[in-house]
Amino acid sequence: MILSTQRNQSGSKRIENEALIITAAEKIFADMGYAGATMQQIADAAGLPKANLHYYFPTKEILYRNVIDKIFNLWLEAADIFESAQGPKDGLSSYIDA
């Protein structure tokens, strides 16, 4: 039972750290671009040691792809509004609002 609880805490800590890193990376990539962003800047923004960042995301490219995947998924979720829209104008306005 203790091992199960430890695994759950460990799993939730991993999810928490990954979300923290992704959020920090979004800001750094937006401000600096892919070429200008460094893993150290992202680690600093996330408040984690650079080694921890590399544990979760071994390369900047892998981290960038995760950030882009998150953004694309948000866009796709927002695009669901088109199915219930009354027309193109309503659909586009609702999509932009989402």
PDB file of N, CA and C in Angstrom:
ATOM      1  N   MET A   1       0.819  -1.187   0.000  1.00  0.00           N
ATOM      2  CA  MET A   1       0.000   0.000   0.000  1.00  0.00           C
ATOM      3  C   MET A   1       0.865   1.254   0.000  1.00  0.00           C
ATOM      4  N   ILE A   2       1.924   1.276   0.743  1.00  0.00           N
ATOM      5  CA  ILE A   2       2.809   2.439   0.781  1.00  0.00           C
ATOM      6  C   ILE A   2       3.431   2.666  -0.589  1.00  0.00           C
ATOM      7  N   LEU A   3       3.847   1.582  -1.263  1.00  0.00           N
ATOM      8  CA  LEU A   3       4.439   1.731  -2.585  1.00  0.00           C
ATOM      9  C   LEU A   3       3.447   2.335  -3.564  1.00  0.00           C
ATOM     10  N   SER A   4       2.200   1.933  -3.500  1.00  0.00           N
ATOM     11  CA  SER A   4       1.175   2.475  -4.379  1.00  0.00           C
ATOM     12  C   SER A   4       1.003   3.975  -4.152  1.00  0.00           C
ATOM     13  N   THR A   5       0.983   4.387  -2.900  1.00  0.00           N
ATOM     14  CA  THR A   5       0.854   5.803  -2.577  1.00  0.00           C
ATOM     15  C   THR A   5       2.073   6.570  -3.060  1.00  0.00           C
ATOM     16  N   GLN A   6       3.249   6.000  -2.882  1.00  0.00           N
ATOM     17  CA  GLN A   6       4.467   6.655  -3.342  1.00  0.00           C
ATOM     18  C   GLN A   6       4.452   6.796  -4.863  1.00  0.00           C
ATOM     19  N   ARG A   7       4.000   5.773  -5.574  1.00  0.00           N
ATOM     20  CA  ARG A   7       3.914   5.845  -7.032  1.00  0.00           C
ATOM     21  C   ARG A   7       2.943   6.933  -7.463  1.00  0.00           C
ATOM     22  N   ASN A   8       1.787   7.029  -6.790  1.00  0.00           N
ATOM     23  CA  ASN A   8       0.808   8.061  -7.123  1.00  0.00           C
ATOM     24  C   ASN A   8       1.379   9.448  -6.884  1.00  0.00           C
ATOM     25  N   GLN A   9       2.088   9.643  -5.773  1.00  0.00           N
ATOM     26  CA  GLN A   9       2.704  10.936  -5.500  1.00  0.00           C
ATOM     27  C   GLN A   9       3.786  11.223  -6.530  1.00  0.00           C
ATOM     28  N   SER A  10       4.559  10.208  -6.873  1.00  0.00           N
ATOM     29  CA  SER A  10       5.615  10.372  -7.863  1.00  0.00           C
ATOM     30  C   SER A  10       5.026  10.710  -9.224  1.00  0.00           C
ATOM     31  N   GLY A  11       3.954  10.028  -9.597  1.00  0.00           N
ATOM     32  CA  GLY A  11       3.299  10.288 -10.871  1.00  0.00           C
ATOM     33  C   GLY A  11       2.692  11.670 -10.925  1.00  0.00           C
ATOM     34  N   SER A  12       2.098  12.097  -9.822  1.00  0.00           N
ATOM     35  CA  SER A  12       1.507  13.435  -9.813  1.00  0.00           C
ATOM     36  C   SER A  12       2.589  14.510  -9.809  1.00  0.00           C
ATOM     37  N   LYS A  13       3.707  14.241  -9.176  1.00  0.00           N
ATOM     38  CA  LYS A  13       4.829  15.190  -9.185  1.00  0.00           C
ATOM     39  C   LYS A  13       5.386  15.319 -10.600  1.00  0.00           C
ATOM     40  N   ARG A  14       5.445  14.206 -11.305  1.00  0.00           N
ATOM     41  CA  ARG A  14       5.934  14.231 -12.688  1.00  0.00           C
ATOM     42  C   ARG A  14       5.006  15.084 -13.554  1.00  0.00           C
ATOM     43  N   ILE A  15       3.715  14.860 -13.417  1.00  0.00           N
ATOM     44  CA  ILE A  15       2.736  15.624 -14.196  1.00  0.00           C
ATOM     45  C   ILE A  15       2.843  17.108 -13.847  1.00  0.00           C
ATOM     46  N   GLU A  16       2.981  17.397 -12.570  1.00  0.00           N
ATOM     47  CA  GLU A  16       3.103  18.784 -12.109  1.00  0.00           C
ATOM     48  C   GLU A  16       4.363  19.443 -12.689  1.00  0.00           C
ATOM     49  N   ASN A  17       5.492  18.744 -12.622  1.00  0.00           N
ATOM     50  CA  ASN A  17       6.743  19.296 -13.150  1.00  0.00           C
ATOM     51  C   ASN A  17       6.686  19.475 -14.667  1.00  0.00           C
ATOM     52  N   GLU A  18       6.118  18.502 -15.371  1.00  0.00           N
ATOM     53  CA  GLU A  18       6.017  18.626 -16.819  1.00  0.00           C
ATOM     54  C   GLU A  18       5.153  19.830 -17.193  1.00  0.00           C
ATOM     55  N   ALA A  19       4.055  20.024 -16.496  1.00  0.00           N
ATOM     56  CA  ALA A  19       3.179  21.172 -16.767  1.00  0.00           C
ATOM     57  C   ALA A  19       3.905  22.482 -16.464  1.00  0.00           C
ATOM     58  N   LEU A  20       4.656  22.514 -15.389  1.00  0.00           N
ATOM     59  CA  LEU A  20       5.434  23.696 -15.023  1.00  0.00           C
ATOM     60  C   LEU A  20       6.455  24.022 -16.108  1.00  0.00           C
ATOM     61  N   ILE A  21       7.126  23.001 -16.595  1.00  0.00           N
ATOM     62  CA  ILE A  21       8.140  23.186 -17.642  1.00  0.00           C
ATOM     63  C   ILE A  21       7.500  23.648 -18.943  1.00  0.00           C
ATOM     64  N   ILE A  22       6.405  23.009 -19.338  1.00  0.00           N
ATOM     65  CA  ILE A  22       5.722  23.375 -20.583  1.00  0.00           C
ATOM     66  C   ILE A  22       5.263  24.840 -20.520  1.00  0.00           C
ATOM     67  N   THR A  23       4.696  25.244 -19.397  1.00  0.00           N
ATOM     68  CA  THR A  23       4.238  26.627 -19.236  1.00  0.00           C
ATOM     69  C   THR A  23       5.406  27.609 -19.344  1.00  0.00           C
ATOM     70  N   ALA A  24       6.498  27.304 -18.683  1.00  0.00           N
ATOM     71  CA  ALA A  24       7.677  28.165 -18.759  1.00  0.00           C
ATOM     72  C   ALA A  24       8.234  28.189 -20.187  1.00  0.00           C
ATOM     73  N   ALA A  25       8.260  27.026 -20.821  1.00  0.00           N
ATOM     74  CA  ALA A  25       8.788  26.936 -22.188  1.00  0.00           C
ATOM     75  C   ALA A  25       7.937  27.726 -23.173  1.00  0.00           C
ATOM     76  N   GLU A  26       6.624  27.696 -23.004  1.00  0.00           N
ATOM     77  CA  GLU A  26       5.743  28.486 -23.876  1.00  0.00           C
ATOM     78  C   GLU A  26       6.156  29.949 -23.855  1.00  0.00           C
ATOM     79  N   LYS A  27       6.363  30.472 -22.658  1.00  0.00           N
ATOM     80  CA  LYS A  27       6.727  31.885 -22.521  1.00  0.00           C
ATOM     81  C   LYS A  27       8.102  32.157 -23.128  1.00  0.00           C
ATOM     82  N   ILE A  28       9.073  31.336 -22.824  1.00  0.00           N
ATOM     83  CA  ILE A  28      10.431  31.563 -23.320  1.00  0.00           C
ATOM     84  C   ILE A  28      10.473  31.437 -24.842  1.00  0.00           C
ATOM     85  N   PHE A  29       9.820  30.408 -25.395  1.00  0.00           N
ATOM     86  CA  PHE A  29       9.804  30.261 -26.853  1.00  0.00           C
ATOM     87  C   PHE A  29       9.076  31.430 -27.511  1.00  0.00           C
ATOM     88  N   ALA A  30       8.001  31.905 -26.892  1.00  0.00           N
ATOM     89  CA  ALA A  30       7.264  33.038 -27.447  1.00  0.00           C
ATOM     90  C   ALA A  30       8.115  34.309 -27.411  1.00  0.00           C
ATOM     91  N   ASP A  31       8.851  34.503 -26.325  1.00  0.00           N
ATOM     92  CA  ASP A  31       9.675  35.709 -26.178  1.00  0.00           C
ATOM     93  C   ASP A  31      10.964  35.654 -26.997  1.00  0.00           C
ATOM     94  N   MET A  32      11.590  34.491 -27.040  1.00  0.00           N
ATOM     95  CA  MET A  32      12.931  34.384 -27.619  1.00  0.00           C
ATOM     96  C   MET A  32      12.983  33.653 -28.968  1.00  0.00           C
ATOM     97  N   GLY A  33      11.906  32.951 -29.307  1.00  0.00           N
ATOM     98  CA  GLY A  33      11.948  32.103 -30.503  1.00  0.00           C
ATOM     99  C   GLY A  33      12.686  30.818 -30.191  1.00  0.00           C
ATOM    100  N   TYR A  34      12.568  29.852 -31.095  1.00  0.00           N
ATOM    101  CA  TYR A  34      13.226  28.563 -30.861  1.00  0.00           C
ATOM    102  C   TYR A  34      14.740  28.734 -30.775  1.00  0.00           C
ATOM    103  N   ALA A  35      15.319  29.449 -31.732  1.00  0.00           N
ATOM    104  CA  ALA A  35      16.774  29.589 -31.785  1.00  0.00           C
ATOM    105  C   ALA A  35      17.321  30.359 -30.581  1.00  0.00           C
ATOM    106  N   GLY A  36      16.587  31.362 -30.110  1.00  0.00           N
ATOM    107  CA  GLY A  36      17.073  32.185 -29.012  1.00  0.00           C
ATOM    108  C   GLY A  36      16.849  31.607 -27.628  1.00  0.00           C
ATOM    109  N   ALA A  37      15.925  30.674 -27.532  1.00  0.00           N
ATOM    110  CA  ALA A  37      15.609  30.071 -26.228  1.00  0.00           C
ATOM    111  C   ALA A  37      16.681  29.065 -25.840  1.00  0.00           C
ATOM    112  N   THR A  38      16.987  29.031 -24.560  1.00  0.00           N
ATOM    113  CA  THR A  38      17.920  28.016 -24.062  1.00  0.00           C
ATOM    114  C   THR A  38      17.234  27.186 -22.993  1.00  0.00           C
ATOM    115  N   MET A  39      17.744  26.001 -22.821  1.00  0.00           N
ATOM    116  CA  MET A  39      17.199  25.128 -21.786  1.00  0.00           C
ATOM    117  C   MET A  39      17.430  25.743 -20.402  1.00  0.00           C
ATOM    118  N   GLN A  40      18.521  26.465 -20.231  1.00  0.00           N
ATOM    119  CA  GLN A  40      18.784  27.110 -18.945  1.00  0.00           C
ATOM    120  C   GLN A  40      17.736  28.186 -18.659  1.00  0.00           C
ATOM    121  N   GLN A  41      17.379  28.985 -19.666  1.00  0.00           N
ATOM    122  CA  GLN A  41      16.344  30.003 -19.475  1.00  0.00           C
ATOM    123  C   GLN A  41      15.015  29.356 -19.079  1.00  0.00           C
ATOM    124  N   ILE A  42      14.695  28.255 -19.729  1.00  0.00           N
ATOM    125  CA  ILE A  42      13.439  27.564 -19.441  1.00  0.00           C
ATOM    126  C   ILE A  42      13.467  26.971 -18.034  1.00  0.00           C
ATOM    127  N   ALA A  43      14.589  26.368 -17.671  1.00  0.00           N
ATOM    128  CA  ALA A  43      14.731  25.813 -16.321  1.00  0.00           C
ATOM    129  C   ALA A  43      14.586  26.913 -15.275  1.00  0.00           C
ATOM    130  N   ASP A  44      15.224  28.052 -15.520  1.00  0.00           N
ATOM    131  CA  ASP A  44      15.129  29.175 -14.583  1.00  0.00           C
ATOM    132  C   ASP A  44      13.687  29.661 -14.465  1.00  0.00           C
ATOM    133  N   ALA A  45      12.997  29.777 -15.597  1.00  0.00           N
ATOM    134  CA  ALA A  45      11.607  30.242 -15.584  1.00  0.00           C
ATOM    135  C   ALA A  45      10.693  29.248 -14.867  1.00  0.00           C
ATOM    136  N   ALA A  46      11.030  27.969 -14.952  1.00  0.00           N
ATOM    137  CA  ALA A  46      10.238  26.931 -14.291  1.00  0.00           C
ATOM    138  C   ALA A  46      10.613  26.779 -12.817  1.00  0.00           C
ATOM    139  N   GLY A  47      11.746  27.363 -12.431  1.00  0.00           N
ATOM    140  CA  GLY A  47      12.201  27.252 -11.046  1.00  0.00           C
ATOM    141  C   GLY A  47      12.754  25.873 -10.727  1.00  0.00           C
ATOM    142  N   LEU A  48      13.318  25.233 -11.751  1.00  0.00           N
ATOM    143  CA  LEU A  48      13.881  23.894 -11.580  1.00  0.00           C
ATOM    144  C   LEU A  48      15.336  23.881 -12.017  1.00  0.00           C
ATOM    145  N   PRO A  49      16.126  22.964 -11.472  1.00  0.00           N
ATOM    146  CA  PRO A  49      17.496  22.814 -11.979  1.00  0.00           C
ATOM    147  C   PRO A  49      17.463  22.325 -13.435  1.00  0.00           C
ATOM    148  N   LYS A  50      18.441  22.745 -14.203  1.00  0.00           N
ATOM    149  CA  LYS A  50      18.525  22.350 -15.614  1.00  0.00           C
ATOM    150  C   LYS A  50      18.554  20.831 -15.758  1.00  0.00           C
ATOM    151  N   ALA A  51      19.183  20.145 -14.829  1.00  0.00           N
ATOM    152  CA  ALA A  51      19.236  18.680 -14.881  1.00  0.00           C
ATOM    153  C   ALA A  51      17.838  18.068 -14.819  1.00  0.00           C
ATOM    154  N   ASN A  52      16.962  18.667 -14.003  1.00  0.00           N
ATOM    155  CA  ASN A  52      15.579  18.179 -13.930  1.00  0.00           C
ATOM    156  C   ASN A  52      14.866  18.389 -15.250  1.00  0.00           C
ATOM    157  N   LEU A  53      15.109  19.529 -15.871  1.00  0.00           N
ATOM    158  CA  LEU A  53      14.500  19.819 -17.165  1.00  0.00           C
ATOM    159  C   LEU A  53      14.891  18.744 -18.175  1.00  0.00           C
ATOM    160  N   HIS A  54      16.176  18.404 -18.207  1.00  0.00           N
ATOM    161  CA  HIS A  54      16.657  17.378 -19.139  1.00  0.00           C
ATOM    162  C   HIS A  54      16.140  15.989 -18.789  1.00  0.00           C
ATOM    163  N   TYR A  55      15.811  15.763 -17.536  1.00  0.00           N
ATOM    164  CA  TYR A  55      15.217  14.483 -17.142  1.00  0.00           C
ATOM    165  C   TYR A  55      13.862  14.305 -17.828  1.00  0.00           C
ATOM    166  N   TYR A  56      13.065  15.357 -17.844  1.00  0.00           N
ATOM    167  CA  TYR A  56      11.729  15.289 -18.439  1.00  0.00           C
ATOM    168  C   TYR A  56      11.751  15.481 -19.953  1.00  0.00           C
ATOM    169  N   PHE A  57      12.632  16.334 -20.431  1.00  0.00           N
ATOM    170  CA  PHE A  57      12.720  16.654 -21.856  1.00  0.00           C
ATOM    171  C   PHE A  57      14.202  16.669 -22.233  1.00  0.00           C
ATOM    172  N   PRO A  58      14.714  15.561 -22.761  1.00  0.00           N
ATOM    173  CA  PRO A  58      16.160  15.433 -23.013  1.00  0.00           C
ATOM    174  C   PRO A  58      16.742  16.477 -23.975  1.00  0.00           C
ATOM    175  N   THR A  59      15.921  16.992 -24.903  1.00  0.00           N
ATOM    176  CA  THR A  59      16.434  17.973 -25.851  1.00  0.00           C
ATOM    177  C   THR A  59      15.460  19.143 -25.990  1.00  0.00           C
ATOM    178  N   LYS A  60      15.974  20.245 -26.478  1.00  0.00           N
ATOM    179  CA  LYS A  60      15.135  21.416 -26.716  1.00  0.00           C
ATOM    180  C   LYS A  60      14.085  21.100 -27.778  1.00  0.00           C
ATOM    181  N   GLU A  61      14.447  20.327 -28.777  1.00  0.00           N
ATOM    182  CA  GLU A  61      13.493  19.976 -29.829  1.00  0.00           C
ATOM    183  C   GLU A  61      12.314  19.175 -29.272  1.00  0.00           C
ATOM    184  N   ILE A  62      12.586  18.224 -28.411  1.00  0.00           N
ATOM    185  CA  ILE A  62      11.507  17.427 -27.807  1.00  0.00           C
ATOM    186  C   ILE A  62      10.592  18.338 -26.982  1.00  0.00           C
ATOM    187  N   LEU A  63      11.178  19.239 -26.213  1.00  0.00           N
ATOM    188  CA  LEU A  63      10.383  20.170 -25.418  1.00  0.00           C
ATOM    189  C   LEU A  63       9.553  21.071 -26.330  1.00  0.00           C
ATOM    190  N   TYR A  64      10.155  21.591 -27.381  1.00  0.00           N
ATOM    191  CA  TYR A  64       9.448  22.463 -28.314  1.00  0.00           C
ATOM    192  C   TYR A  64       8.273  21.736 -28.959  1.00  0.00           C
ATOM    193  N   ARG A  65       8.490  20.494 -29.351  1.00  0.00           N
ATOM    194  CA  ARG A  65       7.408  19.706 -29.957  1.00  0.00           C
ATOM    195  C   ARG A  65       6.253  19.511 -28.971  1.00  0.00           C
ATOM    196  N   ASN A  66       6.568  19.329 -27.701  1.00  0.00           N
ATOM    197  CA  ASN A  66       5.525  19.202 -26.682  1.00  0.00           C
ATOM    198  C   ASN A  66       4.743  20.502 -26.527  1.00  0.00           C
ATOM    199  N   VAL A  67       5.435  21.618 -26.569  1.00  0.00           N
ATOM    200  CA  VAL A  67       4.764  22.918 -26.487  1.00  0.00           C
ATOM    201  C   VAL A  67       3.846  23.097 -27.688  1.00  0.00           C
ATOM    202  N   ILE A  68       4.349  22.806 -28.879  1.00  0.00           N
ATOM    203  CA  ILE A  68       3.552  22.951 -30.103  1.00  0.00           C
ATOM    204  C   ILE A  68       2.353  22.003 -30.071  1.00  0.00           C
ATOM    205  N   ASP A  69       2.553  20.768 -29.624  1.00  0.00           N
ATOM    206  CA  ASP A  69       1.439  19.817 -29.514  1.00  0.00           C
ATOM    207  C   ASP A  69       0.343  20.365 -28.602  1.00  0.00           C
ATOM    208  N   LYS A  70       0.737  20.955 -27.471  1.00  0.00           N
ATOM    209  CA  LYS A  70      -0.246  21.520 -26.544  1.00  0.00           C
ATOM    210  C   LYS A  70      -1.039  22.637 -27.217  1.00  0.00           C
ATOM    211  N   ILE A  71      -0.334  23.510 -27.916  1.00  0.00           N
ATOM    212  CA  ILE A  71      -1.002  24.626 -28.589  1.00  0.00           C
ATOM    213  C   ILE A  71      -1.943  24.122 -29.677  1.00  0.00           C
ATOM    214  N   PHE A  72      -1.486  23.176 -30.494  1.00  0.00           N
ATOM    215  CA  PHE A  72      -2.345  22.640 -31.554  1.00  0.00           C
ATOM    216  C   PHE A  72      -3.580  21.957 -30.975  1.00  0.00           C
ATOM    217  N   ASN A  73      -3.416  21.240 -29.884  1.00  0.00           N
ATOM    218  CA  ASN A  73      -4.565  20.590 -29.249  1.00  0.00           C
ATOM    219  C   ASN A  73      -5.571  21.617 -28.739  1.00  0.00           C
ATOM    220  N   LEU A  74      -5.088  22.727 -28.200  1.00  0.00           N
ATOM    221  CA  LEU A  74      -5.991  23.799 -27.767  1.00  0.00           C
ATOM    222  C   LEU A  74      -6.760  24.363 -28.963  1.00  0.00           C
ATOM    223  N   TRP A  75      -6.067  24.548 -30.072  1.00  0.00           N
ATOM    224  CA  TRP A  75      -6.718  25.064 -31.279  1.00  0.00           C
ATOM    225  C   TRP A  75      -7.764  24.081 -31.798  1.00  0.00           C
ATOM    226  N   LEU A  76      -7.415  22.799 -31.778  1.00  0.00           N
ATOM    227  CA  LEU A  76      -8.363  21.786 -32.257  1.00  0.00           C
ATOM    228  C   LEU A  76      -9.595  21.711 -31.361  1.00  0.00           C
ATOM    229  N   GLU A  77      -9.392  21.793 -30.059  1.00  0.00           N
ATOM    230  CA  GLU A  77     -10.530  21.791 -29.133  1.00  0.00           C
ATOM    231  C   GLU A  77     -11.420  23.003 -29.385  1.00  0.00           C
ATOM    232  N   ALA A  78     -10.804  24.145 -29.602  1.00  0.00           N
ATOM    233  CA  ALA A  78     -11.578  25.361 -29.871  1.00  0.00           C
ATOM    234  C   ALA A  78     -12.330  25.253 -31.190  1.00  0.00           C
ATOM    235  N   ALA A  79     -11.786  24.504 -32.145  1.00  0.00           N
ATOM    236  CA  ALA A  79     -12.424  24.361 -33.461  1.00  0.00           C
ATOM    237  C   ALA A  79     -13.724  23.565 -33.386  1.00  0.00           C
ATOM    238  N   ASP A  80     -13.953  22.854 -32.300  1.00  0.00           N
ATOM    239  CA  ASP A  80     -15.215  22.118 -32.141  1.00  0.00           C
ATOM    240  C   ASP A  80     -16.417  23.055 -32.196  1.00  0.00           C
ATOM    241  N   ILE A  81     -16.202  24.326 -31.931  1.00  0.00           N
ATOM    242  CA  ILE A  81     -17.288  25.315 -31.931  1.00  0.00           C
ATOM    243  C   ILE A  81     -17.923  25.440 -33.321  1.00  0.00           C
ATOM    244  N   PHE A  82     -17.168  25.127 -34.360  1.00  0.00           N
ATOM    245  CA  PHE A  82     -17.692  25.255 -35.721  1.00  0.00           C
ATOM    246  C   PHE A  82     -18.895  24.341 -35.964  1.00  0.00           C
ATOM    247  N   GLU A  83     -18.931  23.217 -35.275  1.00  0.00           N
ATOM    248  CA  GLU A  83     -20.027  22.270 -35.472  1.00  0.00           C
ATOM    249  C   GLU A  83     -21.374  22.837 -35.020  1.00  0.00           C
ATOM    250  N   SER A  84     -21.361  23.694 -34.020  1.00  0.00           N
ATOM    251  CA  SER A  84     -22.624  24.243 -33.510  1.00  0.00           C
ATOM    252  C   SER A  84     -22.855  25.690 -33.936  1.00  0.00           C
ATOM    253  N   ALA A  85     -21.957  26.223 -34.742  1.00  0.00           N
ATOM    254  CA  ALA A  85     -22.079  27.624 -35.154  1.00  0.00           C
ATOM    255  C   ALA A  85     -23.245  27.816 -36.121  1.00  0.00           C
ATOM    256  N   GLN A  86     -23.849  28.998 -36.052  1.00  0.00           N
ATOM    257  CA  GLN A  86     -24.977  29.335 -36.914  1.00  0.00           C
ATOM    258  C   GLN A  86     -24.532  29.716 -38.327  1.00  0.00           C
ATOM    259  N   GLY A  87     -23.285  30.000 -38.499  1.00  0.00           N
ATOM    260  CA  GLY A  87     -22.754  30.372 -39.805  1.00  0.00           C
ATOM    261  C   GLY A  87     -21.277  30.704 -39.674  1.00  0.00           C
ATOM    262  N   PRO A  88     -20.622  31.030 -40.798  1.00  0.00           N
ATOM    263  CA  PRO A  88     -19.181  31.302 -40.765  1.00  0.00           C
ATOM    264  C   PRO A  88     -18.793  32.442 -39.819  1.00  0.00           C
ATOM    265  N   LYS A  89     -19.568  33.535 -39.860  1.00  0.00           N
ATOM    266  CA  LYS A  89     -19.245  34.683 -39.006  1.00  0.00           C
ATOM    267  C   LYS A  89     -19.332  34.294 -37.532  1.00  0.00           C
ATOM    268  N   ASP A  90     -20.413  33.622 -37.164  1.00  0.00           N
ATOM    269  CA  ASP A  90     -20.597  33.166 -35.787  1.00  0.00           C
ATOM    270  C   ASP A  90     -19.503  32.163 -35.409  1.00  0.00           C
ATOM    271  N   GLY A  91     -19.191  31.249 -36.311  1.00  0.00           N
ATOM    272  CA  GLY A  91     -18.175  30.242 -36.058  1.00  0.00           C
ATOM    273  C   GLY A  91     -16.805  30.842 -35.837  1.00  0.00           C
ATOM    274  N   LEU A  92     -16.407  31.763 -36.708  1.00  0.00           N
ATOM    275  CA  LEU A  92     -15.095  32.390 -36.568  1.00  0.00           C
ATOM    276  C   LEU A  92     -15.014  33.263 -35.309  1.00  0.00           C
ATOM    277  N   SER A  93     -16.078  33.993 -35.032  1.00  0.00           N
ATOM    278  CA  SER A  93     -16.083  34.836 -33.822  1.00  0.00           C
ATOM    279  C   SER A  93     -15.963  33.966 -32.565  1.00  0.00           C
ATOM    280  N   SER A  94     -16.711  32.876 -32.526  1.00  0.00           N
ATOM    281  CA  SER A  94     -16.669  31.980 -31.373  1.00  0.00           C
ATOM    282  C   SER A  94     -15.308  31.298 -31.249  1.00  0.00           C
ATOM    283  N   TYR A  95     -14.733  30.928 -32.404  1.00  0.00           N
ATOM    284  CA  TYR A  95     -13.409  30.284 -32.402  1.00  0.00           C
ATOM    285  C   TYR A  95     -12.357  31.238 -31.841  1.00  0.00           C
ATOM    286  N   ILE A  96     -12.393  32.471 -32.275  1.00  0.00           N
ATOM    287  CA  ILE A  96     -11.425  33.470 -31.794  1.00  0.00           C
ATOM    288  C   ILE A  96     -11.611  33.701 -30.297  1.00  0.00           C
ATOM    289  N   ASP A  97     -12.872  33.778 -29.864  1.00  0.00           N
ATOM    290  CA  ASP A  97     -13.132  33.954 -28.433  1.00  0.00           C
ATOM    291  C   ASP A  97     -12.616  32.771 -27.615  1.00  0.00           C
ATOM    292  N   ALA A  98     -12.771  31.561 -28.166  1.00  0.00           N
ATOM    293  CA  ALA A  98     -12.318  30.357 -27.460  1.00  0.00           C
ATOM    294  C   ALA A  98     -10.807  30.342 -27.385  1.00  0.00           C
TER     295      ALA A  98
END
